Amino acid sequence: AAVALQNYFFEKGMDLVEEMNKRA
């Protein structure tokens, strides 16, 4: 599920891990 969520953001041109670090 984590990878599927990551795929969602990839399709939007975003890196979920990068966003996670920003959020932290």
PDB file of all heavy atoms in Angstrom:
ATOM      1  N   ALA A   1       0.835  -1.202   0.000  1.00  0.00           N
ATOM      2  CA  ALA A   1       0.000   0.000   0.000  1.00  0.00           C
ATOM      3  C   ALA A   1       0.871   1.253   0.000  1.00  0.00           C
ATOM      4  O   ALA A   1       0.550   2.240  -0.672  1.00  0.00           O
ATOM      5  CB  ALA A   1      -0.936  -0.010   1.205  1.00  0.00           C
ATOM      6  N   ALA A   2       1.981   1.222   0.725  1.00  0.00           N
ATOM      7  CA  ALA A   2       2.908   2.365   0.741  1.00  0.00           C
ATOM      8  C   ALA A   2       3.448   2.645  -0.651  1.00  0.00           C
ATOM      9  O   ALA A   2       3.536   3.799  -1.079  1.00  0.00           O
ATOM     10  CB  ALA A   2       4.053   2.099   1.715  1.00  0.00           C
ATOM     11  N   VAL A   3       3.781   1.595  -1.381  1.00  0.00           N
ATOM     12  CA  VAL A   3       4.298   1.764  -2.741  1.00  0.00           C
ATOM     13  C   VAL A   3       3.196   2.266  -3.673  1.00  0.00           C
ATOM     14  O   VAL A   3       3.438   3.126  -4.517  1.00  0.00           O
ATOM     15  CB  VAL A   3       4.940   0.458  -3.252  1.00  0.00           C
ATOM     16  CG1 VAL A   3       5.279   0.549  -4.730  1.00  0.00           C
ATOM     17  CG2 VAL A   3       6.195   0.148  -2.437  1.00  0.00           C
ATOM     18  N   ALA A   4       1.980   1.766  -3.513  1.00  0.00           N
ATOM     19  CA  ALA A   4       0.873   2.260  -4.333  1.00  0.00           C
ATOM     20  C   ALA A   4       0.637   3.744  -4.069  1.00  0.00           C
ATOM     21  O   ALA A   4       0.368   4.515  -5.006  1.00  0.00           O
ATOM     22  CB  ALA A   4      -0.395   1.445  -4.062  1.00  0.00           C
ATOM     23  N   LEU A   5       0.757   4.178  -2.828  1.00  0.00           N
ATOM     24  CA  LEU A   5       0.632   5.596  -2.503  1.00  0.00           C
ATOM     25  C   LEU A   5       1.770   6.393  -3.140  1.00  0.00           C
ATOM     26  O   LEU A   5       1.562   7.485  -3.679  1.00  0.00           O
ATOM     27  CB  LEU A   5       0.603   5.797  -0.991  1.00  0.00           C
ATOM     28  CG  LEU A   5      -0.656   5.290  -0.298  1.00  0.00           C
ATOM     29  CD1 LEU A   5      -0.434   5.135   1.189  1.00  0.00           C
ATOM     30  CD2 LEU A   5      -1.843   6.213  -0.585  1.00  0.00           C
ATOM     31  N   GLN A   6       2.952   5.835  -3.091  1.00  0.00           N
ATOM     32  CA  GLN A   6       4.107   6.476  -3.725  1.00  0.00           C
ATOM     33  C   GLN A   6       3.859   6.622  -5.227  1.00  0.00           C
ATOM     34  O   GLN A   6       4.186   7.653  -5.815  1.00  0.00           O
ATOM     35  CB  GLN A   6       5.350   5.637  -3.445  1.00  0.00           C
ATOM     36  CG  GLN A   6       6.644   6.294  -3.781  1.00  0.00           C
ATOM     37  CD  GLN A   6       7.825   5.491  -3.248  1.00  0.00           C
ATOM     38  OE1 GLN A   6       7.707   4.694  -2.322  1.00  0.00           O
ATOM     39  NE2 GLN A   6       8.970   5.706  -3.835  1.00  0.00           N
ATOM     40  N   ASN A   7       3.270   5.605  -5.834  1.00  0.00           N
ATOM     41  CA  ASN A   7       2.950   5.652  -7.265  1.00  0.00           C
ATOM     42  C   ASN A   7       1.978   6.791  -7.576  1.00  0.00           C
ATOM     43  O   ASN A   7       2.099   7.458  -8.612  1.00  0.00           O
ATOM     44  CB  ASN A   7       2.349   4.325  -7.736  1.00  0.00           C
ATOM     45  CG  ASN A   7       3.358   3.198  -7.724  1.00  0.00           C
ATOM     46  OD1 ASN A   7       4.557   3.423  -7.683  1.00  0.00           O
ATOM     47  ND2 ASN A   7       2.856   1.974  -7.747  1.00  0.00           N
ATOM     48  N   TYR A   8       1.014   7.018  -6.698  1.00  0.00           N
ATOM     49  CA  TYR A   8       0.049   8.110  -6.879  1.00  0.00           C
ATOM     50  C   TYR A   8       0.790   9.448  -7.004  1.00  0.00           C
ATOM     51  O   TYR A   8       0.515  10.240  -7.905  1.00  0.00           O
ATOM     52  CB  TYR A   8      -0.941   8.141  -5.707  1.00  0.00           C
ATOM     53  CG  TYR A   8      -1.806   9.367  -5.692  1.00  0.00           C
ATOM     54  CD1 TYR A   8      -2.959   9.443  -6.473  1.00  0.00           C
ATOM     55  CD2 TYR A   8      -1.472  10.462  -4.896  1.00  0.00           C
ATOM     56  CE1 TYR A   8      -3.750  10.580  -6.470  1.00  0.00           C
ATOM     57  CE2 TYR A   8      -2.262  11.602  -4.883  1.00  0.00           C
ATOM     58  CZ  TYR A   8      -3.392  11.654  -5.669  1.00  0.00           C
ATOM     59  OH  TYR A   8      -4.177  12.786  -5.668  1.00  0.00           O
ATOM     60  N   PHE A   9       1.716   9.687  -6.103  1.00  0.00           N
ATOM     61  CA  PHE A   9       2.450  10.949  -6.124  1.00  0.00           C
ATOM     62  C   PHE A   9       3.396  11.031  -7.319  1.00  0.00           C
ATOM     63  O   PHE A   9       3.565  12.103  -7.906  1.00  0.00           O
ATOM     64  CB  PHE A   9       3.184  11.161  -4.799  1.00  0.00           C
ATOM     65  CG  PHE A   9       2.257  11.575  -3.700  1.00  0.00           C
ATOM     66  CD1 PHE A   9       1.666  10.622  -2.878  1.00  0.00           C
ATOM     67  CD2 PHE A   9       1.924  12.905  -3.510  1.00  0.00           C
ATOM     68  CE1 PHE A   9       0.787  10.996  -1.889  1.00  0.00           C
ATOM     69  CE2 PHE A   9       1.042  13.286  -2.522  1.00  0.00           C
ATOM     70  CZ  PHE A   9       0.462  12.329  -1.711  1.00  0.00           C
ATOM     71  N   PHE A  10       3.983   9.907  -7.687  1.00  0.00           N
ATOM     72  CA  PHE A  10       4.847   9.887  -8.867  1.00  0.00           C
ATOM     73  C   PHE A  10       4.065  10.334 -10.102  1.00  0.00           C
ATOM     74  O   PHE A  10       4.563  11.109 -10.918  1.00  0.00           O
ATOM     75  CB  PHE A  10       5.439   8.483  -9.069  1.00  0.00           C
ATOM     76  CG  PHE A  10       6.322   8.387 -10.278  1.00  0.00           C
ATOM     77  CD1 PHE A  10       7.619   8.876 -10.256  1.00  0.00           C
ATOM     78  CD2 PHE A  10       5.852   7.805 -11.456  1.00  0.00           C
ATOM     79  CE1 PHE A  10       8.439   8.799 -11.379  1.00  0.00           C
ATOM     80  CE2 PHE A  10       6.655   7.724 -12.581  1.00  0.00           C
ATOM     81  CZ  PHE A  10       7.949   8.224 -12.542  1.00  0.00           C
ATOM     82  N   GLU A  11       2.840   9.832 -10.230  1.00  0.00           N
ATOM     83  CA  GLU A  11       1.984  10.209 -11.358  1.00  0.00           C
ATOM     84  C   GLU A  11       1.663  11.707 -11.354  1.00  0.00           C
ATOM     85  O   GLU A  11       1.374  12.283 -12.395  1.00  0.00           O
ATOM     86  CB  GLU A  11       0.687   9.397 -11.359  1.00  0.00           C
ATOM     87  CG  GLU A  11       0.881   7.931 -11.679  1.00  0.00           C
ATOM     88  CD  GLU A  11       1.355   7.698 -13.105  1.00  0.00           C
ATOM     89  OE1 GLU A  11       0.857   8.387 -14.020  1.00  0.00           O
ATOM     90  OE2 GLU A  11       2.224   6.837 -13.296  1.00  0.00           O
ATOM     91  N   LYS A  12       1.717  12.319 -10.184  1.00  0.00           N
ATOM     92  CA  LYS A  12       1.460  13.757 -10.046  1.00  0.00           C
ATOM     93  C   LYS A  12       2.749  14.579 -10.171  1.00  0.00           C
ATOM     94  O   LYS A  12       2.727  15.791  -9.978  1.00  0.00           O
ATOM     95  CB  LYS A  12       0.808  14.060  -8.687  1.00  0.00           C
ATOM     96  CG  LYS A  12      -0.473  13.321  -8.424  1.00  0.00           C
ATOM     97  CD  LYS A  12      -1.618  13.926  -9.174  1.00  0.00           C
ATOM     98  CE  LYS A  12      -2.925  13.254  -8.773  1.00  0.00           C
ATOM     99  NZ  LYS A  12      -3.982  13.496  -9.713  1.00  0.00           N
ATOM    100  N   GLY A  13       3.873  13.895 -10.446  1.00  0.00           N
ATOM    101  CA  GLY A  13       5.148  14.595 -10.571  1.00  0.00           C
ATOM    102  C   GLY A  13       5.796  14.933  -9.238  1.00  0.00           C
ATOM    103  O   GLY A  13       6.619  15.851  -9.161  1.00  0.00           O
ATOM    104  N   MET A  14       5.430  14.193  -8.191  1.00  0.00           N
ATOM    105  CA  MET A  14       5.971  14.448  -6.852  1.00  0.00           C
ATOM    106  C   MET A  14       6.661  13.199  -6.322  1.00  0.00           C
ATOM    107  O   MET A  14       6.320  12.082  -6.688  1.00  0.00           O
ATOM    108  CB  MET A  14       4.844  14.850  -5.896  1.00  0.00           C
ATOM    109  CG  MET A  14       4.102  16.116  -6.305  1.00  0.00           C
ATOM    110  SD  MET A  14       2.606  16.388  -5.326  1.00  0.00           S
ATOM    111  CE  MET A  14       3.298  16.861  -3.759  1.00  0.00           C
ATOM    112  N   ASP A  15       7.619  13.412  -5.441  1.00  0.00           N
ATOM    113  CA  ASP A  15       8.314  12.321  -4.766  1.00  0.00           C
ATOM    114  C   ASP A  15       7.778  12.256  -3.333  1.00  0.00           C
ATOM    115  O   ASP A  15       8.030  13.177  -2.541  1.00  0.00           O
ATOM    116  CB  ASP A  15       9.818  12.580  -4.783  1.00  0.00           C
ATOM    117  CG  ASP A  15      10.629  11.496  -4.114  1.00  0.00           C
ATOM    118  OD1 ASP A  15      10.085  10.728  -3.292  1.00  0.00           O
ATOM    119  OD2 ASP A  15      11.837  11.421  -4.394  1.00  0.00           O
ATOM    120  N   LEU A  16       7.038  11.201  -3.011  1.00  0.00           N
ATOM    121  CA  LEU A  16       6.421  11.102  -1.690  1.00  0.00           C
ATOM    122  C   LEU A  16       7.466  11.102  -0.584  1.00  0.00           C
ATOM    123  O   LEU A  16       7.254  11.721   0.465  1.00  0.00           O
ATOM    124  CB  LEU A  16       5.520   9.865  -1.599  1.00  0.00           C
ATOM    125  CG  LEU A  16       4.773   9.665  -0.276  1.00  0.00           C
ATOM    126  CD1 LEU A  16       3.971  10.906   0.125  1.00  0.00           C
ATOM    127  CD2 LEU A  16       3.868   8.439  -0.352  1.00  0.00           C
ATOM    128  N   VAL A  17       8.589  10.463  -0.780  1.00  0.00           N
ATOM    129  CA  VAL A  17       9.619  10.445   0.266  1.00  0.00           C
ATOM    130  C   VAL A  17      10.154  11.861   0.508  1.00  0.00           C
ATOM    131  O   VAL A  17      10.344  12.271   1.659  1.00  0.00           O
ATOM    132  CB  VAL A  17      10.766   9.473  -0.088  1.00  0.00           C
ATOM    133  CG1 VAL A  17      11.889   9.560   0.934  1.00  0.00           C
ATOM    134  CG2 VAL A  17      10.240   8.043  -0.178  1.00  0.00           C
ATOM    135  N   GLU A  18      10.366  12.591  -0.566  1.00  0.00           N
ATOM    136  CA  GLU A  18      10.808  13.983  -0.416  1.00  0.00           C
ATOM    137  C   GLU A  18       9.759  14.795   0.350  1.00  0.00           C
ATOM    138  O   GLU A  18      10.100  15.590   1.239  1.00  0.00           O
ATOM    139  CB  GLU A  18      11.031  14.593  -1.807  1.00  0.00           C
ATOM    140  CG  GLU A  18      11.554  16.004  -1.793  1.00  0.00           C
ATOM    141  CD  GLU A  18      11.785  16.513  -3.205  1.00  0.00           C
ATOM    142  OE1 GLU A  18      12.468  15.824  -3.996  1.00  0.00           O
ATOM    143  OE2 GLU A  18      11.255  17.604  -3.516  1.00  0.00           O
ATOM    144  N   GLU A  19       8.501  14.560   0.037  1.00  0.00           N
ATOM    145  CA  GLU A  19       7.416  15.253   0.738  1.00  0.00           C
ATOM    146  C   GLU A  19       7.364  14.839   2.210  1.00  0.00           C
ATOM    147  O   GLU A  19       7.043  15.653   3.081  1.00  0.00           O
ATOM    148  CB  GLU A  19       6.076  14.996   0.052  1.00  0.00           C
ATOM    149  CG  GLU A  19       5.978  15.552  -1.356  1.00  0.00           C
ATOM    150  CD  GLU A  19       6.155  17.066  -1.437  1.00  0.00           C
ATOM    151  OE1 GLU A  19       5.721  17.781  -0.505  1.00  0.00           O
ATOM    152  OE2 GLU A  19       6.736  17.537  -2.437  1.00  0.00           O
ATOM    153  N   MET A  20       7.666  13.584   2.495  1.00  0.00           N
ATOM    154  CA  MET A  20       7.689  13.112   3.882  1.00  0.00           C
ATOM    155  C   MET A  20       8.773  13.837   4.673  1.00  0.00           C
ATOM    156  O   MET A  20       8.549  14.245   5.818  1.00  0.00           O
ATOM    157  CB  MET A  20       7.912  11.596   3.927  1.00  0.00           C
ATOM    158  CG  MET A  20       6.715  10.797   3.459  1.00  0.00           C
ATOM    159  SD  MET A  20       7.080   9.051   3.141  1.00  0.00           S
ATOM    160  CE  MET A  20       7.675   8.503   4.739  1.00  0.00           C
ATOM    161  N   ASN A  21       9.942  14.001   4.079  1.00  0.00           N
ATOM    162  CA  ASN A  21      11.016  14.717   4.766  1.00  0.00           C
ATOM    163  C   ASN A  21      10.662  16.184   4.972  1.00  0.00           C
ATOM    164  O   ASN A  21      10.959  16.759   6.032  1.00  0.00           O
ATOM    165  CB  ASN A  21      12.336  14.556   4.007  1.00  0.00           C
ATOM    166  CG  ASN A  21      12.956  13.210   4.279  1.00  0.00           C
ATOM    167  OD1 ASN A  21      13.240  12.865   5.419  1.00  0.00           O
ATOM    168  ND2 ASN A  21      13.147  12.426   3.235  1.00  0.00           N
ATOM    169  N   LYS A  22      10.020  16.793   3.998  1.00  0.00           N
ATOM    170  CA  LYS A  22       9.549  18.173   4.171  1.00  0.00           C
ATOM    171  C   LYS A  22       8.541  18.245   5.310  1.00  0.00           C
ATOM    172  O   LYS A  22       8.580  19.157   6.145  1.00  0.00           O
ATOM    173  CB  LYS A  22       8.884  18.688   2.885  1.00  0.00           C
ATOM    174  CG  LYS A  22       9.822  18.983   1.759  1.00  0.00           C
ATOM    175  CD  LYS A  22       9.009  19.478   0.548  1.00  0.00           C
ATOM    176  CE  LYS A  22       9.829  19.585  -0.698  1.00  0.00           C
ATOM    177  NZ  LYS A  22       8.997  19.966  -1.875  1.00  0.00           N
ATOM    178  N   ARG A  23       7.628  17.283   5.329  1.00  0.00           N
ATOM    179  CA  ARG A  23       6.593  17.261   6.360  1.00  0.00           C
ATOM    180  C   ARG A  23       7.210  17.100   7.743  1.00  0.00           C
ATOM    181  O   ARG A  23       6.813  17.770   8.702  1.00  0.00           O
ATOM    182  CB  ARG A  23       5.598  16.133   6.070  1.00  0.00           C
ATOM    183  CG  ARG A  23       4.410  16.118   6.987  1.00  0.00           C
ATOM    184  CD  ARG A  23       3.455  17.230   6.663  1.00  0.00           C
ATOM    185  NE  ARG A  23       2.390  17.243   7.667  1.00  0.00           N
ATOM    186  CZ  ARG A  23       1.706  18.301   7.974  1.00  0.00           C
ATOM    187  NH1 ARG A  23       1.912  19.442   7.357  1.00  0.00           N
ATOM    188  NH2 ARG A  23       0.778  18.247   8.899  1.00  0.00           N
ATOM    189  N   ALA A  24       8.173  16.206   7.859  1.00  0.00           N
ATOM    190  CA  ALA A  24       8.846  16.003   9.146  1.00  0.00           C
ATOM    191  C   ALA A  24       9.492  17.303   9.621  1.00  0.00           C
ATOM    192  O   ALA A  24       9.410  17.652  10.810  1.00  0.00           O
ATOM    193  CB  ALA A  24       9.886  14.885   9.023  1.00  0.00           C
TER     194      ALA A  24
END
